C-alpha atoms as a PDB file:
ATOM      1  CA  UNK A   1      36.321 -51.206 -57.959  1.00  0.00           C
ATOM      2  CA  UNK A   2      39.787 -49.693 -57.340  1.00  0.00           C
ATOM      3  CA  UNK A   3      40.168 -45.950 -57.084  1.00  0.00           C
ATOM      4  CA  UNK A   4      40.827 -44.629 -60.634  1.00  0.00           C
ATOM      5  CA  UNK A   5      44.285 -43.197 -61.169  1.00  0.00           C
ATOM      6  CA  UNK A   6      44.369 -39.930 -63.093  1.00  0.00           C
ATOM      7  CA  UNK A   7      46.404 -40.169 -66.207  1.00  0.00           C
ATOM      8  CA  UNK A   8      49.474 -37.835 -66.072  1.00  0.00           C
ATOM      9  CA  UNK A   9      49.686 -35.190 -68.777  1.00  0.00           C
ATOM     10  CA  UNK A  10      52.275 -36.178 -71.313  1.00  0.00           C
ATOM     11  CA  UNK A  11      54.642 -33.173 -71.492  1.00  0.00           C
ATOM     12  CA  UNK A  12      57.136 -33.373 -74.374  1.00  0.00           C
ATOM     13  CA  UNK A  13      60.258 -31.241 -73.990  1.00  0.00           C
ATOM     14  CA  UNK A  14      62.374 -30.029 -76.823  1.00  0.00           C
ATOM     15  CA  UNK A  15      65.289 -32.293 -75.846  1.00  0.00           C
ATOM     16  CA  UNK A  16      63.059 -35.325 -76.551  1.00  0.00           C
ATOM     17  CA  UNK A  17      63.239 -34.621 -80.242  1.00  0.00           C
ATOM     18  CA  UNK A  18      66.676 -36.243 -80.214  1.00  0.00           C
ATOM     19  CA  UNK A  19      64.940 -39.640 -80.178  1.00  0.00           C
ATOM     20  CA  UNK A  20      64.035 -39.074 -83.763  1.00  0.00           C
ATOM     21  CA  UNK A  21      67.641 -39.381 -84.833  1.00  0.00           C
ATOM     22  CA  UNK A  22      68.270 -43.139 -84.668  1.00  0.00           C
ATOM     23  CA  UNK A  23      71.800 -44.454 -84.350  1.00  0.00           C
ATOM     24  CA  UNK A  24      73.249 -47.366 -86.220  1.00  0.00           C
ATOM     25  CA  UNK A  25      72.843 -49.767 -83.326  1.00  0.00           C
ATOM     26  CA  UNK A  26      72.182 -53.514 -84.033  1.00  0.00           C
ATOM     27  CA  UNK A  27      68.717 -54.144 -85.279  1.00  0.00           C
ATOM     28  CA  UNK A  28      68.045 -50.548 -86.221  1.00  0.00           C
ATOM     29  CA  UNK A  29      67.520 -51.469 -89.906  1.00  0.00           C
ATOM     30  CA  UNK A  30      64.528 -53.552 -89.008  1.00  0.00           C
ATOM     31  CA  UNK A  31      62.828 -50.720 -87.170  1.00  0.00           C
ATOM     32  CA  UNK A  32      60.177 -48.537 -88.834  1.00  0.00           C
ATOM     33  CA  UNK A  33      60.865 -44.934 -89.774  1.00  0.00           C
ATOM     34  CA  UNK A  34      60.177 -42.849 -86.663  1.00  0.00           C
ATOM     35  CA  UNK A  35      60.282 -39.486 -88.428  1.00  0.00           C
ATOM     36  CA  UNK A  36      56.653 -39.688 -89.489  1.00  0.00           C
ATOM     37  CA  UNK A  37      53.463 -41.518 -88.551  1.00  0.00           C
ATOM     38  CA  UNK A  38      52.906 -44.667 -90.665  1.00  0.00           C
ATOM     39  CA  UNK A  39      50.764 -47.793 -90.369  1.00  0.00           C
ATOM     40  CA  UNK A  40      53.947 -49.819 -89.957  1.00  0.00           C
ATOM     41  CA  UNK A  41      55.120 -47.717 -87.019  1.00  0.00           C
ATOM     42  CA  UNK A  42      51.736 -47.820 -85.348  1.00  0.00           C
ATOM     43  CA  UNK A  43      51.635 -51.619 -85.565  1.00  0.00           C
ATOM     44  CA  UNK A  44      55.119 -51.969 -84.078  1.00  0.00           C
ATOM     45  CA  UNK A  45      54.156 -50.255 -80.788  1.00  0.00           C
ATOM     46  CA  UNK A  46      53.973 -52.743 -77.947  1.00  0.00           C
ATOM     47  CA  UNK A  47      50.613 -53.060 -76.206  1.00  0.00           C
ATOM     48  CA  UNK A  48      51.353 -50.775 -73.238  1.00  0.00           C
ATOM     49  CA  UNK A  49      52.911 -48.020 -75.335  1.00  0.00           C
ATOM     50  CA  UNK A  50      49.888 -48.164 -77.621  1.00  0.00           C
ATOM     51  CA  UNK A  51      47.562 -47.735 -74.625  1.00  0.00           C
ATOM     52  CA  UNK A  52      49.581 -44.746 -73.425  1.00  0.00           C
ATOM     53  CA  UNK A  53      49.558 -43.237 -76.897  1.00  0.00           C
ATOM     54  CA  UNK A  54      45.807 -43.533 -77.124  1.00  0.00           C
ATOM     55  CA  UNK A  55      45.377 -41.977 -73.694  1.00  0.00           C
ATOM     56  CA  UNK A  56      47.666 -39.053 -74.688  1.00  0.00           C
ATOM     57  CA  UNK A  57      45.767 -38.524 -77.948  1.00  0.00           C
ATOM     58  CA  UNK A  58      42.391 -38.514 -76.159  1.00  0.00           C
ATOM     59  CA  UNK A  59      43.633 -35.882 -73.733  1.00  0.00           C
ATOM     60  CA  UNK A  60      44.764 -33.738 -76.695  1.00  0.00           C
ATOM     61  CA  UNK A  61      41.285 -34.263 -78.101  1.00  0.00           C
ATOM     62  CA  UNK A  62      39.813 -32.588 -75.015  1.00  0.00           C
ATOM     63  CA  UNK A  63      38.936 -35.412 -72.674  1.00  0.00           C
ATOM     64  CA  UNK A  64      40.030 -35.835 -69.091  1.00  0.00           C
ATOM     65  CA  UNK A  65      41.348 -39.414 -68.843  1.00  0.00           C
ATOM     66  CA  UNK A  66      41.287 -41.764 -65.851  1.00  0.00           C
ATOM     67  CA  UNK A  67      43.074 -45.085 -66.046  1.00  0.00           C
ATOM     68  CA  UNK A  68      41.884 -48.129 -64.191  1.00  0.00           C
ATOM     69  CA  UNK A  69      43.017 -51.729 -64.459  1.00  0.00           C
ATOM     70  CA  UNK A  70      40.603 -53.644 -66.698  1.00  0.00           C
ATOM     71  CA  UNK A  71      38.647 -56.533 -65.270  1.00  0.00           C
ATOM     72  CA  UNK A  72      37.810 -57.875 -68.712  1.00  0.00           C
ATOM     73  CA  UNK A  73      41.141 -57.902 -70.634  1.00  0.00           C
ATOM     74  CA  UNK A  74      44.897 -57.570 -70.302  1.00  0.00           C
ATOM     75  CA  UNK A  75      45.516 -53.790 -69.997  1.00  0.00           C
ATOM     76  CA  UNK A  76      43.537 -50.848 -68.784  1.00  0.00           C
ATOM     77  CA  UNK A  77      40.189 -49.146 -69.209  1.00  0.00           C
ATOM     78  CA  UNK A  78      40.208 -45.455 -70.050  1.00  0.00           C
ATOM     79  CA  UNK A  79      37.344 -43.546 -68.407  1.00  0.00           C
ATOM     80  CA  UNK A  80      36.808 -40.444 -70.548  1.00  0.00           C
ATOM     81  CA  UNK A  81      35.211 -37.280 -69.059  1.00  0.00           C
ATOM     82  CA  UNK A  82      34.138 -34.459 -71.287  1.00  0.00           C
ATOM     83  CA  UNK A  83      35.312 -30.925 -70.423  1.00  0.00           C
ATOM     84  CA  UNK A  84      33.578 -29.707 -67.234  1.00  0.00           C
ATOM     85  CA  UNK A  85      32.060 -33.109 -66.398  1.00  0.00           C
ATOM     86  CA  UNK A  86      32.626 -34.899 -63.132  1.00  0.00           C
ATOM     87  CA  UNK A  87      31.792 -38.431 -64.268  1.00  0.00           C
ATOM     88  CA  UNK A  88      32.931 -40.500 -67.198  1.00  0.00           C
ATOM     89  CA  UNK A  89      30.682 -40.714 -70.245  1.00  0.00           C
ATOM     90  CA  UNK A  90      32.820 -42.928 -72.445  1.00  0.00           C
ATOM     91  CA  UNK A  91      34.742 -46.123 -71.635  1.00  0.00           C
ATOM     92  CA  UNK A  92      37.641 -46.731 -74.009  1.00  0.00           C
ATOM     93  CA  UNK A  93      39.802 -49.819 -74.472  1.00  0.00           C
ATOM     94  CA  UNK A  94      42.877 -50.329 -76.751  1.00  0.00           C
ATOM     95  CA  UNK A  95      43.894 -53.384 -78.759  1.00  0.00           C
ATOM     96  CA  UNK A  96      47.456 -53.439 -80.049  1.00  0.00           C
ATOM     97  CA  UNK A  97      47.899 -54.976 -83.484  1.00  0.00           C
ATOM     98  CA  UNK A  98      48.605 -58.616 -83.991  1.00  0.00           C
ATOM     99  CA  UNK A  99      48.567 -60.909 -87.040  1.00  0.00           C
ATOM    100  CA  UNK A 100      44.789 -61.085 -87.161  1.00  0.00           C
ATOM    101  CA  UNK A 101      41.904 -58.637 -87.351  1.00  0.00           C
ATOM    102  CA  UNK A 102      40.220 -57.691 -84.063  1.00  0.00           C
ATOM    103  CA  UNK A 103      37.107 -59.853 -83.816  1.00  0.00           C
ATOM    104  CA  UNK A 104      33.878 -59.656 -81.918  1.00  0.00           C
ATOM    105  CA  UNK A 105      35.204 -60.908 -78.530  1.00  0.00           C
ATOM    106  CA  UNK A 106      36.927 -57.669 -77.534  1.00  0.00           C
ATOM    107  CA  UNK A 107      33.720 -55.787 -78.464  1.00  0.00           C
ATOM    108  CA  UNK A 108      31.783 -58.052 -76.153  1.00  0.00           C
ATOM    109  CA  UNK A 109      34.278 -57.567 -73.353  1.00  0.00           C
ATOM    110  CA  UNK A 110      34.113 -53.823 -73.751  1.00  0.00           C
ATOM    111  CA  UNK A 111      30.300 -53.988 -73.550  1.00  0.00           C
ATOM    112  CA  UNK A 112      30.596 -56.018 -70.315  1.00  0.00           C
ATOM    113  CA  UNK A 113      32.997 -53.476 -68.886  1.00  0.00           C
ATOM    114  CA  UNK A 114      30.595 -50.624 -69.832  1.00  0.00           C
ATOM    115  CA  UNK A 115      27.788 -52.341 -68.021  1.00  0.00           C
ATOM    116  CA  UNK A 116      29.917 -52.918 -64.918  1.00  0.00           C
ATOM    117  CA  UNK A 117      30.976 -49.304 -64.866  1.00  0.00           C
ATOM    118  CA  UNK A 118      27.489 -48.017 -65.767  1.00  0.00           C
ATOM    119  CA  UNK A 119      28.832 -46.142 -68.728  1.00  0.00           C
ATOM    120  CA  UNK A 120      26.661 -46.061 -71.866  1.00  0.00           C
ATOM    121  CA  UNK A 121      29.135 -45.241 -74.575  1.00  0.00           C
ATOM    122  CA  UNK A 122      32.227 -47.230 -75.632  1.00  0.00           C
ATOM    123  CA  UNK A 123      35.281 -46.571 -77.750  1.00  0.00           C
ATOM    124  CA  UNK A 124      37.572 -49.380 -78.964  1.00  0.00           C
ATOM    125  CA  UNK A 125      40.847 -48.429 -80.655  1.00  0.00           C
ATOM    126  CA  UNK A 126      43.259 -50.693 -82.517  1.00  0.00           C
ATOM    127  CA  UNK A 127      46.421 -50.165 -84.581  1.00  0.00           C
ATOM    128  CA  UNK A 128      45.143 -52.888 -86.923  1.00  0.00           C
ATOM    129  CA  UNK A 129      41.671 -53.642 -88.387  1.00  0.00           C
ATOM    130  CA  UNK A 130      38.339 -55.036 -87.285  1.00  0.00           C
ATOM    131  CA  UNK A 131      36.325 -57.934 -88.671  1.00  0.00           C
ATOM    132  CA  UNK A 132      32.964 -57.207 -90.218  1.00  0.00           C
ATOM    133  CA  UNK A 133      31.369 -59.221 -87.447  1.00  0.00           C
ATOM    134  CA  UNK A 134      32.953 -56.877 -84.869  1.00  0.00           C
ATOM    135  CA  UNK A 135      31.844 -53.793 -86.774  1.00  0.00           C
ATOM    136  CA  UNK A 136      28.269 -55.053 -86.995  1.00  0.00           C
ATOM    137  CA  UNK A 137      28.089 -55.953 -83.266  1.00  0.00           C
ATOM    138  CA  UNK A 138      29.654 -52.670 -82.165  1.00  0.00           C
ATOM    139  CA  UNK A 139      27.007 -50.750 -84.096  1.00  0.00           C
ATOM    140  CA  UNK A 140      24.296 -52.353 -81.933  1.00  0.00           C
ATOM    141  CA  UNK A 141      26.123 -51.686 -78.644  1.00  0.00           C
ATOM    142  CA  UNK A 142      26.818 -47.881 -78.919  1.00  0.00           C
ATOM    143  CA  UNK A 143      30.488 -48.689 -79.356  1.00  0.00           C
ATOM    144  CA  UNK A 144      32.622 -46.637 -81.744  1.00  0.00           C
ATOM    145  CA  UNK A 145      35.478 -48.533 -83.501  1.00  0.00           C
ATOM    146  CA  UNK A 146      38.640 -46.715 -84.498  1.00  0.00           C
ATOM    147  CA  UNK A 147      41.108 -48.777 -86.563  1.00  0.00           C
ATOM    148  CA  UNK A 148      44.707 -47.994 -87.362  1.00  0.00           C
ATOM    149  CA  UNK A 149      43.920 -46.047 -90.555  1.00  0.00           C
ATOM    150  CA  UNK A 150      41.297 -43.935 -88.787  1.00  0.00           C
ATOM    151  CA  UNK A 151      43.715 -43.272 -85.850  1.00  0.00           C
ATOM    152  CA  UNK A 152      46.434 -42.045 -88.146  1.00  0.00           C
ATOM    153  CA  UNK A 153      43.854 -39.775 -89.840  1.00  0.00           C
ATOM    154  CA  UNK A 154      43.015 -38.359 -86.460  1.00  0.00           C
ATOM    155  CA  UNK A 155      46.700 -37.744 -85.732  1.00  0.00           C
ATOM    156  CA  UNK A 156      47.051 -35.984 -89.126  1.00  0.00           C
ATOM    157  CA  UNK A 157      44.147 -33.691 -88.239  1.00  0.00           C
ATOM    158  CA  UNK A 158      45.878 -32.401 -85.095  1.00  0.00           C
ATOM    159  CA  UNK A 159      48.003 -29.234 -85.177  1.00  0.00           C
ATOM    160  CA  UNK A 160      51.464 -30.309 -86.506  1.00  0.00           C
ATOM    161  CA  UNK A 161      53.163 -29.627 -83.177  1.00  0.00           C
ATOM    162  CA  UNK A 162      50.741 -31.885 -81.314  1.00  0.00           C
ATOM    163  CA  UNK A 163      51.072 -34.731 -83.864  1.00  0.00           C
ATOM    164  CA  UNK A 164      54.892 -34.411 -83.430  1.00  0.00           C
ATOM    165  CA  UNK A 165      54.536 -34.548 -79.658  1.00  0.00           C
ATOM    166  CA  UNK A 166      52.617 -37.797 -79.944  1.00  0.00           C
ATOM    167  CA  UNK A 167      55.203 -39.195 -82.348  1.00  0.00           C
ATOM    168  CA  UNK A 168      58.115 -38.354 -80.037  1.00  0.00           C
ATOM    169  CA  UNK A 169      56.308 -39.717 -77.014  1.00  0.00           C
ATOM    170  CA  UNK A 170      55.380 -43.000 -78.737  1.00  0.00           C
ATOM    171  CA  UNK A 171      58.925 -43.690 -79.985  1.00  0.00           C
ATOM    172  CA  UNK A 172      60.906 -42.759 -76.867  1.00  0.00           C
ATOM    173  CA  UNK A 173      63.022 -45.558 -75.484  1.00  0.00           C
ATOM    174  CA  UNK A 174      62.142 -49.216 -76.126  1.00  0.00           C
ATOM    175  CA  UNK A 175      58.712 -48.954 -77.738  1.00  0.00           C
ATOM    176  CA  UNK A 176      58.642 -52.349 -79.378  1.00  0.00           C
ATOM    177  CA  UNK A 177      59.492 -54.895 -76.612  1.00  0.00           C
ATOM    178  CA  UNK A 178      56.264 -55.997 -74.870  1.00  0.00           C
ATOM    179  CA  UNK A 179      55.712 -55.176 -71.228  1.00  0.00           C
ATOM    180  CA  UNK A 180      54.690 -57.961 -68.855  1.00  0.00           C
ATOM    181  CA  UNK A 181      51.130 -57.181 -67.747  1.00  0.00           C
ATOM    182  CA  UNK A 182      51.711 -58.535 -64.327  1.00  0.00           C
ATOM    183  CA  UNK A 183      55.261 -57.309 -63.493  1.00  0.00           C
ATOM    184  CA  UNK A 184      55.501 -54.154 -65.640  1.00  0.00           C
ATOM    185  CA  UNK A 185      58.904 -55.253 -66.841  1.00  0.00           C
ATOM    186  CA  UNK A 186      60.083 -55.482 -70.448  1.00  0.00           C
ATOM    187  CA  UNK A 187      59.884 -59.087 -71.514  1.00  0.00           C
ATOM    188  CA  UNK A 188      62.626 -61.194 -73.111  1.00  0.00           C
ATOM    189  CA  UNK A 189      62.508 -63.162 -76.413  1.00  0.00           C
ATOM    190  CA  UNK A 190      62.360 -66.917 -76.016  1.00  0.00           C
ATOM    191  CA  UNK A 191      61.779 -70.012 -78.101  1.00  0.00           C
ATOM    192  CA  UNK A 192      59.612 -72.939 -77.190  1.00  0.00           C
ATOM    193  CA  UNK A 193      61.509 -76.204 -76.714  1.00  0.00           C
ATOM    194  CA  UNK A 194      58.951 -78.201 -78.732  1.00  0.00           C
ATOM    195  CA  UNK A 195      58.186 -76.372 -81.965  1.00  0.00           C
ATOM    196  CA  UNK A 196      60.837 -73.683 -81.777  1.00  0.00           C
ATOM    197  CA  UNK A 197      58.091 -70.986 -81.700  1.00  0.00           C
ATOM    198  CA  UNK A 198      59.382 -67.541 -80.868  1.00  0.00           C
ATOM    199  CA  UNK A 199      57.534 -65.667 -78.076  1.00  0.00           C
ATOM    200  CA  UNK A 200      58.005 -63.025 -75.368  1.00  0.00           C
ATOM    201  CA  UNK A 201      58.288 -64.252 -71.782  1.00  0.00           C
ATOM    202  CA  UNK A 202      58.522 -62.436 -68.443  1.00  0.00           C
ATOM    203  CA  UNK A 203      61.918 -61.861 -66.953  1.00  0.00           C
ATOM    204  CA  UNK A 204      60.596 -63.219 -63.661  1.00  0.00           C
ATOM    205  CA  UNK A 205      59.882 -66.714 -65.067  1.00  0.00           C
ATOM    206  CA  UNK A 206      59.141 -69.202 -63.493  1.00  0.00           C
ATOM    207  CA  UNK A 207      57.663 -67.016 -60.840  1.00  0.00           C
ATOM    208  CA  UNK A 208      55.677 -65.212 -63.503  1.00  0.00           C
ATOM    209  CA  UNK A 209      54.457 -67.244 -66.538  1.00  0.00           C
ATOM    210  CA  UNK A 210      52.934 -64.488 -68.599  1.00  0.00           C
ATOM    211  CA  UNK A 211      53.800 -64.699 -72.332  1.00  0.00           C
ATOM    212  CA  UNK A 212      53.052 -62.561 -75.386  1.00  0.00           C
ATOM    213  CA  UNK A 213      53.098 -63.841 -78.966  1.00  0.00           C
ATOM    214  CA  UNK A 214      55.885 -62.532 -81.142  1.00  0.00           C
ATOM    215  CA  UNK A 215      54.961 -59.865 -83.605  1.00  0.00           C
ATOM    216  CA  UNK A 216      54.184 -61.290 -87.061  1.00  0.00           C
ATOM    217  CA  UNK A 217      54.697 -59.332 -90.200  1.00  0.00           C
ATOM    218  CA  UNK A 218      51.489 -58.906 -92.223  1.00  0.00           C
END
């Protein structure tokens, strides 16, 4: 297992508040309002930014967070240590929103990752919703599920300045274009030659063939 990399503390400086003032650049009208946390904004975050947001929130919630590349899904595992503890007691994974509810498979993968890491408690966060099957299975595996509505409620319960810090952090720069999980580059929008389906592809194609489905409006 690779050496865990400690998550950097997300410091938000006053000058970063300028990102809240959106210009009239092309495409700005289709973007969600970034002045306040909403379900629409949370769902628009690309998968890596959503993971980073969750890690930042969990640190504000009092956990020491270590990030390791996941062996069970695209993305990372968050090893959470309680204050004063040397070893992780919770393994967290993040699932960015897509057109469908998060089903049982990510719950099973998290349970497998927990077993591999010898961690007894799990936390699965999504900006969307879970299926009833996923909820039922998680309840048997000591895995807590946090959907988009619950995550927004947790942000609202933070001191206002901390909730604003998370908002500014989440919406800095290009927070909507997916990141290639292999190359860590922003992907480019493409269309399939057969059906004309829109998707995101890696800039390093054909050397890298990673793709991400285009965001669908619920």
